[in-house]
N, C-alpha and C. Protein backbone atom coordinates (compact mmCIF):
# COMPACT_ATOMS: atom_id res chain seq x y z
N MET A 1 -36.44 16.13 -11.56
CA MET A 1 -36.64 17.11 -12.57
C MET A 1 -37.85 16.41 -13.53
N LYS A 2 -38.81 17.11 -13.76
CA LYS A 2 -39.66 16.48 -14.90
C LYS A 2 -39.55 17.21 -16.25
N LEU A 3 -39.55 16.33 -17.25
CA LEU A 3 -39.24 16.95 -18.62
C LEU A 3 -40.46 16.60 -19.59
N SER A 4 -40.77 17.40 -20.51
CA SER A 4 -41.79 17.13 -21.50
C SER A 4 -41.41 16.08 -22.65
N ALA A 5 -40.02 15.95 -22.73
CA ALA A 5 -39.31 15.16 -23.70
C ALA A 5 -39.57 13.64 -23.18
N ARG A 6 -40.22 12.83 -24.09
CA ARG A 6 -40.54 11.47 -23.88
C ARG A 6 -39.46 10.41 -24.14
N ASN A 7 -38.42 10.92 -25.13
CA ASN A 7 -37.50 10.15 -25.49
C ASN A 7 -36.04 10.10 -24.57
N GLN A 8 -36.31 9.41 -23.60
CA GLN A 8 -35.18 9.41 -22.53
C GLN A 8 -34.58 8.15 -22.54
N ILE A 9 -33.24 8.06 -22.86
CA ILE A 9 -32.56 6.79 -23.06
C ILE A 9 -31.34 6.87 -21.89
N LYS A 10 -31.34 5.90 -20.99
CA LYS A 10 -30.25 5.93 -19.99
C LYS A 10 -28.88 5.33 -20.54
N GLY A 11 -27.85 5.73 -20.22
CA GLY A 11 -26.44 5.03 -20.84
C GLY A 11 -25.37 5.53 -19.99
N THR A 12 -24.27 5.24 -20.39
CA THR A 12 -22.87 5.67 -19.84
C THR A 12 -22.00 6.23 -20.73
N VAL A 13 -21.50 7.44 -20.19
CA VAL A 13 -20.65 8.17 -21.20
C VAL A 13 -19.45 7.33 -21.53
N VAL A 14 -19.09 7.12 -22.75
CA VAL A 14 -17.91 6.50 -23.17
C VAL A 14 -16.54 7.38 -23.40
N SER A 15 -16.85 8.61 -24.01
CA SER A 15 -15.88 9.68 -24.04
C SER A 15 -16.28 11.04 -24.08
N VAL A 16 -15.58 12.02 -23.93
CA VAL A 16 -15.76 13.45 -23.98
C VAL A 16 -14.72 14.17 -24.64
N ASP A 17 -14.95 14.55 -25.88
CA ASP A 17 -14.04 15.27 -26.74
C ASP A 17 -14.23 16.76 -26.63
N LYS A 18 -13.56 17.38 -25.75
CA LYS A 18 -13.75 18.75 -25.56
C LYS A 18 -12.88 19.77 -26.36
N GLY A 19 -13.53 20.56 -26.97
CA GLY A 19 -13.16 21.61 -27.80
C GLY A 19 -13.00 22.92 -27.02
N PRO A 20 -12.51 24.13 -27.52
CA PRO A 20 -12.76 25.58 -26.91
C PRO A 20 -14.10 25.89 -26.77
N VAL A 21 -15.05 25.59 -27.64
CA VAL A 21 -16.43 26.07 -27.63
C VAL A 21 -17.35 24.95 -27.52
N THR A 22 -17.32 23.82 -28.15
CA THR A 22 -18.28 22.64 -28.01
C THR A 22 -17.46 21.31 -27.54
N ALA A 23 -18.31 20.49 -27.40
CA ALA A 23 -17.81 18.99 -27.00
C ALA A 23 -18.64 18.11 -27.44
N LYS A 24 -18.12 16.86 -28.13
CA LYS A 24 -18.85 15.65 -28.45
C LYS A 24 -18.66 14.76 -27.33
N VAL A 25 -19.88 14.39 -26.96
CA VAL A 25 -20.15 13.48 -25.88
C VAL A 25 -20.71 12.03 -26.39
N LYS A 26 -19.91 11.06 -26.32
CA LYS A 26 -20.36 9.73 -26.73
C LYS A 26 -20.99 8.72 -25.63
N ILE A 27 -22.18 8.33 -25.76
CA ILE A 27 -22.95 7.59 -24.65
C ILE A 27 -23.27 6.18 -25.27
N ASP A 28 -22.86 5.18 -24.52
CA ASP A 28 -23.25 3.82 -24.73
C ASP A 28 -24.49 3.45 -24.12
N VAL A 29 -25.54 3.31 -25.14
CA VAL A 29 -26.98 3.02 -24.52
C VAL A 29 -27.27 1.53 -24.66
N GLY A 30 -26.27 0.75 -24.76
CA GLY A 30 -26.40 -0.65 -24.77
C GLY A 30 -26.65 -1.42 -26.06
N GLY A 31 -26.48 -2.67 -26.19
CA GLY A 31 -26.85 -3.38 -27.44
C GLY A 31 -25.87 -2.87 -28.62
N GLY A 32 -24.71 -2.41 -28.11
CA GLY A 32 -23.56 -1.94 -29.25
C GLY A 32 -23.93 -0.45 -30.01
N THR A 33 -25.06 0.09 -29.35
CA THR A 33 -25.53 1.38 -29.71
C THR A 33 -24.85 2.59 -29.15
N LEU A 34 -24.25 3.47 -29.83
CA LEU A 34 -23.82 4.85 -29.31
C LEU A 34 -24.56 5.83 -29.89
N ILE A 35 -24.69 6.90 -28.78
CA ILE A 35 -25.51 8.25 -29.23
C ILE A 35 -24.32 9.10 -29.01
N THR A 36 -24.20 10.24 -29.90
CA THR A 36 -23.22 11.23 -29.85
C THR A 36 -24.05 12.50 -29.73
N SER A 37 -23.76 13.30 -28.70
CA SER A 37 -24.26 14.56 -28.42
C SER A 37 -23.32 15.74 -28.68
N THR A 38 -23.68 16.59 -29.26
CA THR A 38 -22.63 18.06 -29.39
C THR A 38 -23.27 18.89 -28.32
N VAL A 39 -22.52 19.30 -27.36
CA VAL A 39 -22.81 20.24 -26.35
C VAL A 39 -21.77 21.29 -26.23
N THR A 40 -22.15 22.32 -25.39
CA THR A 40 -21.17 23.41 -25.19
C THR A 40 -20.11 22.93 -24.25
N ALA A 41 -19.00 23.39 -24.31
CA ALA A 41 -17.83 23.03 -23.38
C ALA A 41 -18.39 23.49 -21.94
N GLU A 42 -18.89 24.53 -21.90
CA GLU A 42 -19.33 25.12 -20.61
C GLU A 42 -20.37 23.97 -19.77
N THR A 43 -21.16 23.28 -20.68
CA THR A 43 -22.19 22.13 -20.30
C THR A 43 -21.48 21.16 -19.67
N VAL A 44 -20.33 20.64 -20.45
CA VAL A 44 -19.42 19.54 -19.97
C VAL A 44 -18.94 19.91 -18.55
N ASP A 45 -18.43 20.98 -18.27
CA ASP A 45 -18.02 21.55 -17.08
C ASP A 45 -18.99 21.71 -16.02
N ASP A 46 -20.20 22.25 -16.49
CA ASP A 46 -21.31 22.49 -15.40
C ASP A 46 -21.63 21.04 -14.78
N LEU A 47 -21.79 19.99 -15.79
CA LEU A 47 -22.45 18.86 -15.35
C LEU A 47 -21.27 17.76 -14.85
N GLY A 48 -20.04 18.13 -15.11
CA GLY A 48 -18.80 17.42 -14.52
C GLY A 48 -18.71 16.15 -15.39
N LEU A 49 -19.16 16.24 -16.79
CA LEU A 49 -19.11 14.92 -17.57
C LEU A 49 -17.82 14.25 -17.78
N ALA A 50 -17.76 13.08 -17.57
CA ALA A 50 -16.40 12.36 -17.84
C ALA A 50 -16.87 10.73 -18.15
N ALA A 51 -15.92 10.19 -18.81
CA ALA A 51 -15.98 8.74 -19.07
C ALA A 51 -16.36 8.07 -17.84
N GLY A 52 -17.55 6.95 -18.10
CA GLY A 52 -17.87 6.19 -16.86
C GLY A 52 -19.04 6.91 -16.30
N ASP A 53 -19.45 7.90 -16.58
CA ASP A 53 -20.54 8.73 -15.82
C ASP A 53 -21.98 8.00 -16.33
N ALA A 54 -22.88 7.73 -15.39
CA ALA A 54 -24.29 7.29 -15.78
C ALA A 54 -25.05 8.63 -16.11
N VAL A 55 -25.69 8.51 -17.53
CA VAL A 55 -26.37 9.82 -17.79
C VAL A 55 -27.62 9.30 -18.59
N THR A 56 -28.46 10.29 -18.93
CA THR A 56 -29.88 10.02 -19.69
C THR A 56 -29.68 10.93 -20.86
N ALA A 57 -29.76 10.41 -22.03
CA ALA A 57 -29.71 11.16 -23.42
C ALA A 57 -31.20 11.44 -23.51
N ILE A 58 -31.47 12.82 -23.78
CA ILE A 58 -32.76 13.22 -23.80
C ILE A 58 -33.02 13.72 -25.19
N ILE A 59 -33.94 13.14 -26.00
CA ILE A 59 -34.01 13.44 -27.30
C ILE A 59 -35.31 14.15 -27.74
N LYS A 60 -35.33 15.28 -28.14
CA LYS A 60 -36.58 16.07 -28.67
C LYS A 60 -36.43 15.92 -30.24
N SER A 61 -37.75 15.34 -30.66
CA SER A 61 -37.60 15.12 -32.04
C SER A 61 -37.51 16.21 -32.98
N SER A 62 -37.81 17.44 -32.49
CA SER A 62 -37.41 18.54 -33.40
C SER A 62 -35.92 18.78 -33.45
N ASP A 63 -35.12 18.23 -32.76
CA ASP A 63 -33.68 18.52 -32.74
C ASP A 63 -32.67 17.40 -33.36
N VAL A 64 -33.52 16.40 -33.78
CA VAL A 64 -32.88 15.24 -34.53
C VAL A 64 -33.19 14.90 -35.77
N ILE A 65 -32.55 15.37 -36.71
CA ILE A 65 -32.97 15.60 -38.25
C ILE A 65 -31.62 14.74 -38.97
N ILE A 66 -32.13 13.64 -39.58
CA ILE A 66 -31.11 12.84 -40.33
C ILE A 66 -31.74 12.66 -41.75
N GLY A 67 -31.02 12.83 -42.75
CA GLY A 67 -31.42 12.38 -44.11
C GLY A 67 -30.30 11.73 -44.99
N LYS A 68 -30.81 10.88 -45.84
CA LYS A 68 -29.83 10.19 -46.79
C LYS A 68 -30.37 10.23 -48.03
């Protein structure tokens, strides 16, 4: 699969906290850094996400907004 998003970070799923509608997926990308992604519960089922899975976090800058 080819993607236009250039920010692709390989990692390993640490945990999946699945609720009725959404799920929080924590990904260890190395060096003590974790990325947390909120996805639909359906996505977790469709991808079969579980702790220990090798995944790629794909970040589109328009969807990552943090302020302090």
